Amino acid sequence: MTIIEPHKAKYSYNPIVLYMLFALAALACLNIYFYNEGVDLRHSISANSKILQSLQVNNAELKSRLYAVTDLGNLDAIAKSENLVKD
């Protein structure tokens, strides 16, 4: 008596498909990494722009003080207090 067994399906994975799946997973991880780097960069730019604005305000205040000190009226007063004479 002959026993006929049906062909049992053995799962054989095609190496090309496995490489493509691995590449797809790697690209997904890289996409997440680059997205996070972009978000971090935007946050640091925002923080640095706030620092830059405060430094610009401080610079304007220092220029204002410098111009007030070097004003002709103040220079004349300083010259008189030091007993200097204009040439």
C-alpha atoms as a PDB file:
ATOM      1  CA  MET A   1       0.000   0.000   0.000  1.00  0.00           C
ATOM      2  CA  THR A   2       1.316   3.387  -0.990  1.00  0.00           C
ATOM      3  CA  ILE A   3       0.786   6.331   1.299  1.00  0.00           C
ATOM      4  CA  ILE A   4       0.657   9.633  -0.509  1.00  0.00           C
ATOM      5  CA  GLU A   5       1.494  12.570   1.594  1.00  0.00           C
ATOM      6  CA  PRO A   6       0.723  16.032   0.315  1.00  0.00           C
ATOM      7  CA  HIS A   7       3.611  18.436  -0.178  1.00  0.00           C
ATOM      8  CA  LYS A   8       4.275  20.110   3.100  1.00  0.00           C
ATOM      9  CA  ALA A   9       4.925  23.796   2.676  1.00  0.00           C
ATOM     10  CA  LYS A  10       8.235  24.644   4.183  1.00  0.00           C
ATOM     11  CA  TYR A  11       8.724  28.278   4.751  1.00  0.00           C
ATOM     12  CA  SER A  12      11.852  29.340   2.979  1.00  0.00           C
ATOM     13  CA  TYR A  13      12.682  32.962   3.201  1.00  0.00           C
ATOM     14  CA  ASN A  14      14.028  34.659   0.169  1.00  0.00           C
ATOM     15  CA  PRO A  15      17.267  36.471   1.140  1.00  0.00           C
ATOM     16  CA  ILE A  16      16.397  39.456  -1.040  1.00  0.00           C
ATOM     17  CA  VAL A  17      13.145  39.946   0.837  1.00  0.00           C
ATOM     18  CA  LEU A  18      14.961  39.696   4.164  1.00  0.00           C
ATOM     19  CA  TYR A  19      17.527  42.303   3.073  1.00  0.00           C
ATOM     20  CA  MET A  20      14.759  44.621   1.910  1.00  0.00           C
ATOM     21  CA  LEU A  21      12.924  44.256   5.223  1.00  0.00           C
ATOM     22  CA  PHE A  22      16.132  44.942   7.116  1.00  0.00           C
ATOM     23  CA  ALA A  23      16.816  47.999   4.935  1.00  0.00           C
ATOM     24  CA  LEU A  24      13.267  49.240   5.496  1.00  0.00           C
ATOM     25  CA  ALA A  25      13.642  48.887   9.277  1.00  0.00           C
ATOM     26  CA  ALA A  26      17.010  50.664   9.169  1.00  0.00           C
ATOM     27  CA  LEU A  27      15.559  53.516   7.109  1.00  0.00           C
ATOM     28  CA  ALA A  28      12.663  53.858   9.546  1.00  0.00           C
ATOM     29  CA  CYS A  29      15.113  54.130  12.453  1.00  0.00           C
ATOM     30  CA  LEU A  30      17.216  56.691  10.569  1.00  0.00           C
ATOM     31  CA  ASN A  31      14.091  58.691   9.781  1.00  0.00           C
ATOM     32  CA  ILE A  32      13.189  58.857  13.473  1.00  0.00           C
ATOM     33  CA  TYR A  33      16.765  59.808  14.378  1.00  0.00           C
ATOM     34  CA  PHE A  34      16.964  62.636  11.825  1.00  0.00           C
ATOM     35  CA  TYR A  35      13.519  63.914  12.832  1.00  0.00           C
ATOM     36  CA  ASN A  36      14.628  64.105  16.480  1.00  0.00           C
ATOM     37  CA  GLU A  37      17.833  65.883  15.480  1.00  0.00           C
ATOM     38  CA  GLY A  38      15.800  68.420  13.499  1.00  0.00           C
ATOM     39  CA  VAL A  39      13.492  69.079  16.442  1.00  0.00           C
ATOM     40  CA  ASP A  40      16.479  69.503  18.787  1.00  0.00           C
ATOM     41  CA  LEU A  41      18.052  71.907  16.315  1.00  0.00           C
ATOM     42  CA  ARG A  42      14.871  73.982  16.132  1.00  0.00           C
ATOM     43  CA  HIS A  43      14.685  74.180  19.924  1.00  0.00           C
ATOM     44  CA  SER A  44      18.313  75.240  20.241  1.00  0.00           C
ATOM     45  CA  ILE A  45      17.859  77.881  17.520  1.00  0.00           C
ATOM     46  CA  SER A  46      14.838  79.238  19.368  1.00  0.00           C
ATOM     47  CA  ALA A  47      16.730  79.386  22.657  1.00  0.00           C
ATOM     48  CA  ASN A  48      19.751  81.008  21.018  1.00  0.00           C
ATOM     49  CA  SER A  49      17.588  83.605  19.285  1.00  0.00           C
ATOM     50  CA  LYS A  50      16.178  84.631  22.674  1.00  0.00           C
ATOM     51  CA  ILE A  51      19.710  84.939  24.031  1.00  0.00           C
ATOM     52  CA  LEU A  52      20.705  86.961  20.968  1.00  0.00           C
ATOM     53  CA  GLN A  53      17.795  89.358  21.476  1.00  0.00           C
ATOM     54  CA  SER A  54      18.757  89.949  25.097  1.00  0.00           C
ATOM     55  CA  LEU A  55      22.371  90.555  24.072  1.00  0.00           C
ATOM     56  CA  GLN A  56      21.231  93.046  21.443  1.00  0.00           C
ATOM     57  CA  VAL A  57      19.243  94.917  24.093  1.00  0.00           C
ATOM     58  CA  ASN A  58      22.293  94.982  26.395  1.00  0.00           C
ATOM     59  CA  ASN A  59      24.446  96.181  23.498  1.00  0.00           C
ATOM     60  CA  ALA A  60      22.008  99.014  22.772  1.00  0.00           C
ATOM     61  CA  GLU A  61      22.042 100.050  26.441  1.00  0.00           C
ATOM     62  CA  LEU A  62      25.852 100.038  26.516  1.00  0.00           C
ATOM     63  CA  LYS A  63      25.993 102.120  23.326  1.00  0.00           C
ATOM     64  CA  SER A  64      23.535 104.555  24.855  1.00  0.00           C
ATOM     65  CA  ARG A  65      25.752 104.909  27.943  1.00  0.00           C
ATOM     66  CA  LEU A  66      28.853 105.334  25.792  1.00  0.00           C
ATOM     67  CA  TYR A  67      27.220 108.039  23.704  1.00  0.00           C
ATOM     68  CA  ALA A  68      26.014 109.777  26.862  1.00  0.00           C
ATOM     69  CA  VAL A  69      29.528 109.743  28.319  1.00  0.00           C
ATOM     70  CA  THR A  70      31.145 111.003  25.115  1.00  0.00           C
ATOM     71  CA  ASP A  71      28.556 113.728  24.543  1.00  0.00           C
ATOM     72  CA  LEU A  72      30.076 117.175  24.014  1.00  0.00           C
ATOM     73  CA  GLY A  73      28.295 118.602  27.031  1.00  0.00           C
ATOM     74  CA  ASN A  74      29.734 115.897  29.258  1.00  0.00           C
ATOM     75  CA  LEU A  75      33.184 116.273  27.730  1.00  0.00           C
ATOM     76  CA  ASP A  76      33.133 120.000  28.446  1.00  0.00           C
ATOM     77  CA  ALA A  77      32.186 119.306  32.055  1.00  0.00           C
ATOM     78  CA  ILE A  78      34.953 116.721  32.386  1.00  0.00           C
ATOM     79  CA  ALA A  79      37.459 119.122  30.830  1.00  0.00           C
ATOM     80  CA  LYS A  80      36.470 121.898  33.251  1.00  0.00           C
ATOM     81  CA  SER A  81      36.708 119.561  36.242  1.00  0.00           C
ATOM     82  CA  GLU A  82      40.237 118.539  35.120  1.00  0.00           C
ATOM     83  CA  ASN A  83      41.233 122.189  34.402  1.00  0.00           C
ATOM     84  CA  LEU A  84      41.829 121.459  30.713  1.00  0.00           C
ATOM     85  CA  VAL A  85      41.788 124.167  28.052  1.00  0.00           C
ATOM     86  CA  LYS A  86      40.499 123.842  24.479  1.00  0.00           C
ATOM     87  CA  ASP A  87      43.091 124.426  21.759  1.00  0.00           C
END
